[in-house]
PDB file of N, CA and C in Angstrom:
ATOM      1  N   UNK A   1       0.581 -19.341  43.772  1.00  0.00           N
ATOM      2  CA  UNK A   1       1.725 -18.875  43.121  1.00  0.00           C
ATOM      3  C   UNK A   1       1.591 -18.258  41.865  1.00  0.00           C
ATOM      4  N   UNK A   2       2.313 -17.026  41.895  1.00  0.00           N
ATOM      5  CA  UNK A   2       2.040 -16.141  40.684  1.00  0.00           C
ATOM      6  C   UNK A   2       2.727 -16.595  39.557  1.00  0.00           C
ATOM      7  N   UNK A   3       2.204 -16.411  38.477  1.00  0.00           N
ATOM      8  CA  UNK A   3       2.757 -16.771  37.100  1.00  0.00           C
ATOM      9  C   UNK A   3       4.127 -16.003  36.841  1.00  0.00           C
ATOM     10  N   UNK A   4       5.111 -16.546  36.391  1.00  0.00           N
ATOM     11  CA  UNK A   4       6.240 -15.817  36.110  1.00  0.00           C
ATOM     12  C   UNK A   4       6.190 -15.620  34.500  1.00  0.00           C
ATOM     13  N   UNK A   5       6.691 -14.417  34.015  1.00  0.00           N
ATOM     14  CA  UNK A   5       6.671 -14.169  32.642  1.00  0.00           C
ATOM     15  C   UNK A   5       8.088 -14.138  32.004  1.00  0.00           C
ATOM     16  N   UNK A   6       8.530 -14.634  31.127  1.00  0.00           N
ATOM     17  CA  UNK A   6       9.767 -14.402  30.529  1.00  0.00           C
ATOM     18  C   UNK A   6       9.643 -12.923  29.865  1.00  0.00           C
ATOM     19  N   UNK A   7      10.901 -12.375  29.431  1.00  0.00           N
ATOM     20  CA  UNK A   7      10.900 -11.043  28.873  1.00  0.00           C
ATOM     21  C   UNK A   7      10.218 -11.293  27.256  1.00  0.00           C
ATOM     22  N   UNK A   8      10.424 -12.440  26.725  1.00  0.00           N
ATOM     23  CA  UNK A   8       9.960 -12.587  25.314  1.00  0.00           C
ATOM     24  C   UNK A   8       8.478 -12.651  25.393  1.00  0.00           C
ATOM     25  N   UNK A   9       7.746 -12.924  26.418  1.00  0.00           N
ATOM     26  CA  UNK A   9       6.282 -12.950  26.421  1.00  0.00           C
ATOM     27  C   UNK A   9       5.550 -11.689  26.304  1.00  0.00           C
ATOM     28  N   UNK A  10       6.351 -10.474  26.429  1.00  0.00           N
ATOM     29  CA  UNK A  10       5.524  -9.254  26.283  1.00  0.00           C
ATOM     30  C   UNK A  10       5.653  -8.636  24.847  1.00  0.00           C
ATOM     31  N   UNK A  11       4.630  -8.139  24.355  1.00  0.00           N
ATOM     32  CA  UNK A  11       4.577  -7.730  23.212  1.00  0.00           C
ATOM     33  C   UNK A  11       5.299  -6.338  23.165  1.00  0.00           C
ATOM     34  N   UNK A  12       6.024  -5.959  21.888  1.00  0.00           N
ATOM     35  CA  UNK A  12       6.510  -4.830  21.964  1.00  0.00           C
ATOM     36  C   UNK A  12       5.589  -3.686  21.793  1.00  0.00           C
ATOM     37  N   UNK A  13       5.846  -2.661  22.520  1.00  0.00           N
ATOM     38  CA  UNK A  13       4.900  -1.348  22.309  1.00  0.00           C
ATOM     39  C   UNK A  13       5.159  -0.462  21.081  1.00  0.00           C
ATOM     40  N   UNK A  14       6.068  -0.946  20.309  1.00  0.00           N
ATOM     41  CA  UNK A  14       6.603  -0.097  19.115  1.00  0.00           C
ATOM     42  C   UNK A  14       5.413  -0.112  18.222  1.00  0.00           C
ATOM     43  N   UNK A  15       5.096   0.960  17.446  1.00  0.00           N
ATOM     44  CA  UNK A  15       4.067   0.889  16.376  1.00  0.00           C
ATOM     45  C   UNK A  15       4.709   0.472  15.085  1.00  0.00           C
ATOM     46  N   UNK A  16       3.547  -0.253  14.421  1.00  0.00           N
ATOM     47  CA  UNK A  16       4.141  -0.958  13.265  1.00  0.00           C
ATOM     48  C   UNK A  16       4.516   0.138  12.155  1.00  0.00           C
ATOM     49  N   UNK A  17       5.338  -0.156  11.219  1.00  0.00           N
ATOM     50  CA  UNK A  17       5.626   0.781  10.253  1.00  0.00           C
ATOM     51  C   UNK A  17       4.957   0.405   8.991  1.00  0.00           C
ATOM     52  N   UNK A  18       4.554   1.333   8.133  1.00  0.00           N
ATOM     53  CA  UNK A  18       3.912   1.266   6.925  1.00  0.00           C
ATOM     54  C   UNK A  18       4.553   2.177   5.901  1.00  0.00           C
ATOM     55  N   UNK A  19       4.429   1.802   4.589  1.00  0.00           N
ATOM     56  CA  UNK A  19       5.013   2.896   3.781  1.00  0.00           C
ATOM     57  C   UNK A  19       3.967   4.080   3.522  1.00  0.00           C
ATOM     58  N   UNK A  20       4.560   5.387   3.378  1.00  0.00           N
ATOM     59  CA  UNK A  20       3.899   6.636   3.128  1.00  0.00           C
ATOM     60  C   UNK A  20       3.082   6.412   1.761  1.00  0.00           C
ATOM     61  N   UNK A  21       1.927   6.799   1.585  1.00  0.00           N
ATOM     62  CA  UNK A  21       1.274   6.690   0.371  1.00  0.00           C
ATOM     63  C   UNK A  21       1.727   7.571  -0.819  1.00  0.00           C
ATOM     64  N   UNK A  22       2.533   8.510  -0.287  1.00  0.00           N
ATOM     65  CA  UNK A  22       3.090   9.503  -1.280  1.00  0.00           C
ATOM     66  C   UNK A  22       4.515   9.283  -1.560  1.00  0.00           C
ATOM     67  N   UNK A  23       5.648   9.053  -0.648  1.00  0.00           N
ATOM     68  CA  UNK A  23       6.784   8.999  -1.077  1.00  0.00           C
ATOM     69  C   UNK A  23       7.350   7.405  -0.714  1.00  0.00           C
ATOM     70  N   UNK A  24       6.460   6.526  -0.215  1.00  0.00           N
ATOM     71  CA  UNK A  24       6.757   5.140  -0.077  1.00  0.00           C
ATOM     72  C   UNK A  24       8.003   4.876   0.849  1.00  0.00           C
ATOM     73  N   UNK A  25       8.356   5.802   1.757  1.00  0.00           N
ATOM     74  CA  UNK A  25       9.339   5.633   2.705  1.00  0.00           C
ATOM     75  C   UNK A  25       8.535   5.092   4.103  1.00  0.00           C
ATOM     76  N   UNK A  26       9.271   4.265   4.672  1.00  0.00           N
ATOM     77  CA  UNK A  26       8.595   3.441   5.929  1.00  0.00           C
ATOM     78  C   UNK A  26       8.184   4.624   7.182  1.00  0.00           C
ATOM     79  N   UNK A  27       7.080   4.729   7.499  1.00  0.00           N
ATOM     80  CA  UNK A  27       6.749   5.575   8.644  1.00  0.00           C
ATOM     81  C   UNK A  27       6.002   4.799   9.750  1.00  0.00           C
ATOM     82  N   UNK A  28       5.716   5.427  10.811  1.00  0.00           N
ATOM     83  CA  UNK A  28       4.900   4.732  11.815  1.00  0.00           C
ATOM     84  C   UNK A  28       3.382   4.831  11.471  1.00  0.00           C
ATOM     85  N   UNK A  29       2.765   3.777  11.834  1.00  0.00           N
ATOM     86  CA  UNK A  29       1.413   3.544  11.385  1.00  0.00           C
ATOM     87  C   UNK A  29       0.381   4.742  11.993  1.00  0.00           C
ATOM     88  N   UNK A  30       0.806   5.119  12.963  1.00  0.00           N
ATOM     89  CA  UNK A  30      -0.245   6.233  13.544  1.00  0.00           C
ATOM     90  C   UNK A  30       0.178   7.683  13.535  1.00  0.00           C
ATOM     91  N   UNK A  31       1.193   8.022  12.652  1.00  0.00           N
ATOM     92  CA  UNK A  31       1.568   9.187  12.399  1.00  0.00           C
ATOM     93  C   UNK A  31       0.654  10.161  11.567  1.00  0.00           C
ATOM     94  N   UNK A  32       0.188  11.385  11.917  1.00  0.00           N
ATOM     95  CA  UNK A  32      -0.766  12.084  11.081  1.00  0.00           C
ATOM     96  C   UNK A  32       0.036  12.600   9.915  1.00  0.00           C
ATOM     97  N   UNK A  33       1.367  12.882   9.786  1.00  0.00           N
ATOM     98  CA  UNK A  33       1.950  13.555   8.800  1.00  0.00           C
ATOM     99  C   UNK A  33       3.577  12.830   8.613  1.00  0.00           C
ATOM    100  N   UNK A  34       3.780  12.556   7.349  1.00  0.00           N
ATOM    101  CA  UNK A  34       4.970  11.978   7.085  1.00  0.00           C
ATOM    102  C   UNK A  34       6.164  12.786   7.361  1.00  0.00           C
ATOM    103  N   UNK A  35       7.154  12.417   8.064  1.00  0.00           N
ATOM    104  CA  UNK A  35       8.284  13.334   8.437  1.00  0.00           C
ATOM    105  C   UNK A  35       9.213  13.468   7.253  1.00  0.00           C
ATOM    106  N   UNK A  36       9.105  12.678   6.285  1.00  0.00           N
ATOM    107  CA  UNK A  36       9.934  12.860   4.980  1.00  0.00           C
ATOM    108  C   UNK A  36       9.471  13.900   4.036  1.00  0.00           C
ATOM    109  N   UNK A  37       8.239  13.522   3.509  1.00  0.00           N
ATOM    110  CA  UNK A  37       7.566  14.347   2.401  1.00  0.00           C
ATOM    111  C   UNK A  37       6.704  15.360   3.024  1.00  0.00           C
ATOM    112  N   UNK A  38       6.311  15.270   4.263  1.00  0.00           N
ATOM    113  CA  UNK A  38       5.476  16.283   5.134  1.00  0.00           C
ATOM    114  C   UNK A  38       4.039  16.457   4.489  1.00  0.00           C
ATOM    115  N   UNK A  39       3.673  15.257   3.897  1.00  0.00           N
ATOM    116  CA  UNK A  39       2.247  15.324   3.523  1.00  0.00           C
ATOM    117  C   UNK A  39       1.262  14.707   4.658  1.00  0.00           C
ATOM    118  N   UNK A  40       0.126  15.125   4.781  1.00  0.00           N
ATOM    119  CA  UNK A  40      -0.741  14.678   5.872  1.00  0.00           C
ATOM    120  C   UNK A  40      -1.324  13.328   5.359  1.00  0.00           C
ATOM    121  N   UNK A  41      -1.341  12.425   6.386  1.00  0.00           N
ATOM    122  CA  UNK A  41      -1.814  10.863   5.932  1.00  0.00           C
ATOM    123  C   UNK A  41      -3.211  10.831   6.237  1.00  0.00           C
ATOM    124  N   UNK A  42      -4.056  10.657   5.307  1.00  0.00           N
ATOM    125  CA  UNK A  42      -5.498  10.392   5.534  1.00  0.00           C
ATOM    126  C   UNK A  42      -5.997   9.546   4.365  1.00  0.00           C
ATOM    127  N   UNK A  43      -7.062   8.885   4.607  1.00  0.00           N
ATOM    128  CA  UNK A  43      -7.741   8.005   3.661  1.00  0.00           C
ATOM    129  C   UNK A  43      -8.301   8.762   2.380  1.00  0.00           C
ATOM    130  N   UNK A  44      -8.706  10.179   2.839  1.00  0.00           N
ATOM    131  CA  UNK A  44      -9.338  10.978   1.868  1.00  0.00           C
ATOM    132  C   UNK A  44      -8.286  11.559   0.726  1.00  0.00           C
ATOM    133  N   UNK A  45      -7.168  11.702   1.343  1.00  0.00           N
ATOM    134  CA  UNK A  45      -6.026  12.482   0.435  1.00  0.00           C
ATOM    135  C   UNK A  45      -5.127  11.502  -0.264  1.00  0.00           C
ATOM    136  N   UNK A  46      -5.395  10.132   0.047  1.00  0.00           N
ATOM    137  CA  UNK A  46      -4.326   9.294  -0.549  1.00  0.00           C
ATOM    138  C   UNK A  46      -4.193   9.206  -2.101  1.00  0.00           C
ATOM    139  N   UNK A  47      -3.253   9.221  -2.700  1.00  0.00           N
ATOM    140  CA  UNK A  47      -3.228   9.181  -4.053  1.00  0.00           C
ATOM    141  C   UNK A  47      -3.806   7.840  -4.635  1.00  0.00           C
ATOM    142  N   UNK A  48      -4.557   8.014  -5.858  1.00  0.00           N
ATOM    143  CA  UNK A  48      -5.185   6.616  -6.377  1.00  0.00           C
ATOM    144  C   UNK A  48      -4.066   5.542  -6.593  1.00  0.00           C
ATOM    145  N   UNK A  49      -4.466   4.435  -6.456  1.00  0.00           N
ATOM    146  CA  UNK A  49      -3.609   3.187  -6.618  1.00  0.00           C
ATOM    147  C   UNK A  49      -3.521   3.201  -7.983  1.00  0.00           C
ATOM    148  N   UNK A  50      -2.249   2.787  -8.689  1.00  0.00           N
ATOM    149  CA  UNK A  50      -2.196   2.591 -10.158  1.00  0.00           C
ATOM    150  C   UNK A  50      -2.745   1.135 -10.503  1.00  0.00           C
ATOM    151  N   UNK A  51      -3.218   1.099 -11.430  1.00  0.00           N
ATOM    152  CA  UNK A  51      -3.707  -0.469 -12.112  1.00  0.00           C
ATOM    153  C   UNK A  51      -2.451  -1.145 -12.430  1.00  0.00           C
ATOM    154  N   UNK A  52      -2.461  -2.526 -12.218  1.00  0.00           N
ATOM    155  CA  UNK A  52      -1.356  -3.262 -12.649  1.00  0.00           C
ATOM    156  C   UNK A  52      -1.215  -3.077 -14.059  1.00  0.00           C
ATOM    157  N   UNK A  53       0.051  -3.107 -14.447  1.00  0.00           N
ATOM    158  CA  UNK A  53       0.471  -2.899 -16.133  1.00  0.00           C
ATOM    159  C   UNK A  53      -0.266  -4.102 -16.895  1.00  0.00           C
ATOM    160  N   UNK A  54      -0.406  -5.436 -16.276  1.00  0.00           N
ATOM    161  CA  UNK A  54      -0.796  -6.569 -17.055  1.00  0.00           C
ATOM    162  C   UNK A  54      -2.247  -6.551 -17.294  1.00  0.00           C
ATOM    163  N   UNK A  55      -3.026  -5.777 -16.343  1.00  0.00           N
ATOM    164  CA  UNK A  55      -4.452  -5.591 -16.659  1.00  0.00           C
ATOM    165  C   UNK A  55      -4.433  -4.727 -18.037  1.00  0.00           C
ATOM    166  N   UNK A  56      -3.693  -3.604 -17.946  1.00  0.00           N
ATOM    167  CA  UNK A  56      -3.675  -2.679 -19.109  1.00  0.00           C
ATOM    168  C   UNK A  56      -3.353  -3.400 -20.393  1.00  0.00           C
ATOM    169  N   UNK A  57      -2.298  -3.952 -20.287  1.00  0.00           N
ATOM    170  CA  UNK A  57      -1.952  -4.799 -21.535  1.00  0.00           C
ATOM    171  C   UNK A  57      -2.883  -5.889 -21.911  1.00  0.00           C
ATOM    172  N   UNK A  58      -3.505  -6.542 -21.041  1.00  0.00           N
ATOM    173  CA  UNK A  58      -4.463  -7.509 -21.283  1.00  0.00           C
ATOM    174  C   UNK A  58      -5.675  -6.899 -21.929  1.00  0.00           C
ATOM    175  N   UNK A  59      -6.244  -5.851 -21.555  1.00  0.00           N
ATOM    176  CA  UNK A  59      -7.409  -5.188 -22.156  1.00  0.00           C
ATOM    177  C   UNK A  59      -6.982  -4.774 -23.494  1.00  0.00           C
ATOM    178  N   UNK A  60      -5.786  -4.212 -23.666  1.00  0.00           N
ATOM    179  CA  UNK A  60      -5.241  -3.608 -25.200  1.00  0.00           C
ATOM    180  C   UNK A  60      -5.351  -5.073 -26.213  1.00  0.00           C
ATOM    181  N   UNK A  61      -4.660  -6.057 -25.605  1.00  0.00           N
ATOM    182  CA  UNK A  61      -4.774  -7.343 -26.434  1.00  0.00           C
ATOM    183  C   UNK A  61      -6.036  -7.657 -26.790  1.00  0.00           C
ATOM    184  N   UNK A  62      -6.855  -7.767 -25.773  1.00  0.00           N
ATOM    185  CA  UNK A  62      -8.299  -8.270 -26.075  1.00  0.00           C
ATOM    186  C   UNK A  62      -8.990  -7.329 -27.164  1.00  0.00           C
ATOM    187  N   UNK A  63      -8.732  -6.260 -26.881  1.00  0.00           N
ATOM    188  CA  UNK A  63      -9.378  -5.141 -27.989  1.00  0.00           C
ATOM    189  C   UNK A  63      -8.970  -5.448 -29.284  1.00  0.00           C
ATOM    190  N   UNK A  64      -7.630  -5.712 -29.476  1.00  0.00           N
ATOM    191  CA  UNK A  64      -6.821  -5.949 -30.731  1.00  0.00           C
ATOM    192  C   UNK A  64      -7.335  -7.219 -31.378  1.00  0.00           C
ATOM    193  N   UNK A  65      -7.642  -8.245 -30.457  1.00  0.00           N
ATOM    194  CA  UNK A  65      -8.052  -9.431 -31.002  1.00  0.00           C
ATOM    195  C   UNK A  65      -9.417  -9.333 -31.443  1.00  0.00           C
ATOM    196  N   UNK A  66     -10.335  -8.599 -30.807  1.00  0.00           N
ATOM    197  CA  UNK A  66     -11.710  -8.254 -31.316  1.00  0.00           C
ATOM    198  C   UNK A  66     -11.440  -7.525 -32.564  1.00  0.00           C
ATOM    199  N   UNK A  67     -10.931  -6.661 -32.575  1.00  0.00           N
ATOM    200  CA  UNK A  67     -10.666  -5.889 -33.830  1.00  0.00           C
ATOM    201  C   UNK A  67     -10.182  -6.651 -35.031  1.00  0.00           C
ATOM    202  N   UNK A  68      -9.132  -7.500 -34.854  1.00  0.00           N
ATOM    203  CA  UNK A  68      -8.815  -8.456 -35.986  1.00  0.00           C
ATOM    204  C   UNK A  68     -10.003  -9.539 -36.316  1.00  0.00           C
ATOM    205  N   UNK A  69     -10.611 -10.016 -35.249  1.00  0.00           N
ATOM    206  CA  UNK A  69     -11.594 -10.950 -35.572  1.00  0.00           C
ATOM    207  C   UNK A  69     -12.892 -10.291 -36.294  1.00  0.00           C
ATOM    208  N   UNK A  70     -13.205  -9.161 -36.104  1.00  0.00           N
ATOM    209  CA  UNK A  70     -14.345  -8.456 -36.768  1.00  0.00           C
ATOM    210  C   UNK A  70     -13.840  -8.002 -38.216  1.00  0.00           C
ATOM    211  N   UNK A  71     -12.622  -7.846 -38.300  1.00  0.00           N
ATOM    212  CA  UNK A  71     -12.007  -7.525 -39.541  1.00  0.00           C
ATOM    213  C   UNK A  71     -12.249  -6.137 -40.152  1.00  0.00           C
ATOM    214  N   UNK A  72     -12.179  -5.336 -39.245  1.00  0.00           N
ATOM    215  CA  UNK A  72     -12.255  -3.964 -39.611  1.00  0.00           C
ATOM    216  C   UNK A  72     -11.048  -3.461 -40.368  1.00  0.00           C
TER     217      UNK A  72
END
């Protein structure tokens, strides 16, 4: 007896959506070019990720504490 599948058992063939690295709008994962900002999507051309603000603030505070501790 062949197995019967419900319609919910099948995976959707739709591509996953990811944010564009340039404009942050949702695009299909496998698209070579963003349809909104028209930039080509590739690992080599992606803009560098920004450092979290709390790391920058932490480094500045640590440097200030060392400065005050040394007494310059």
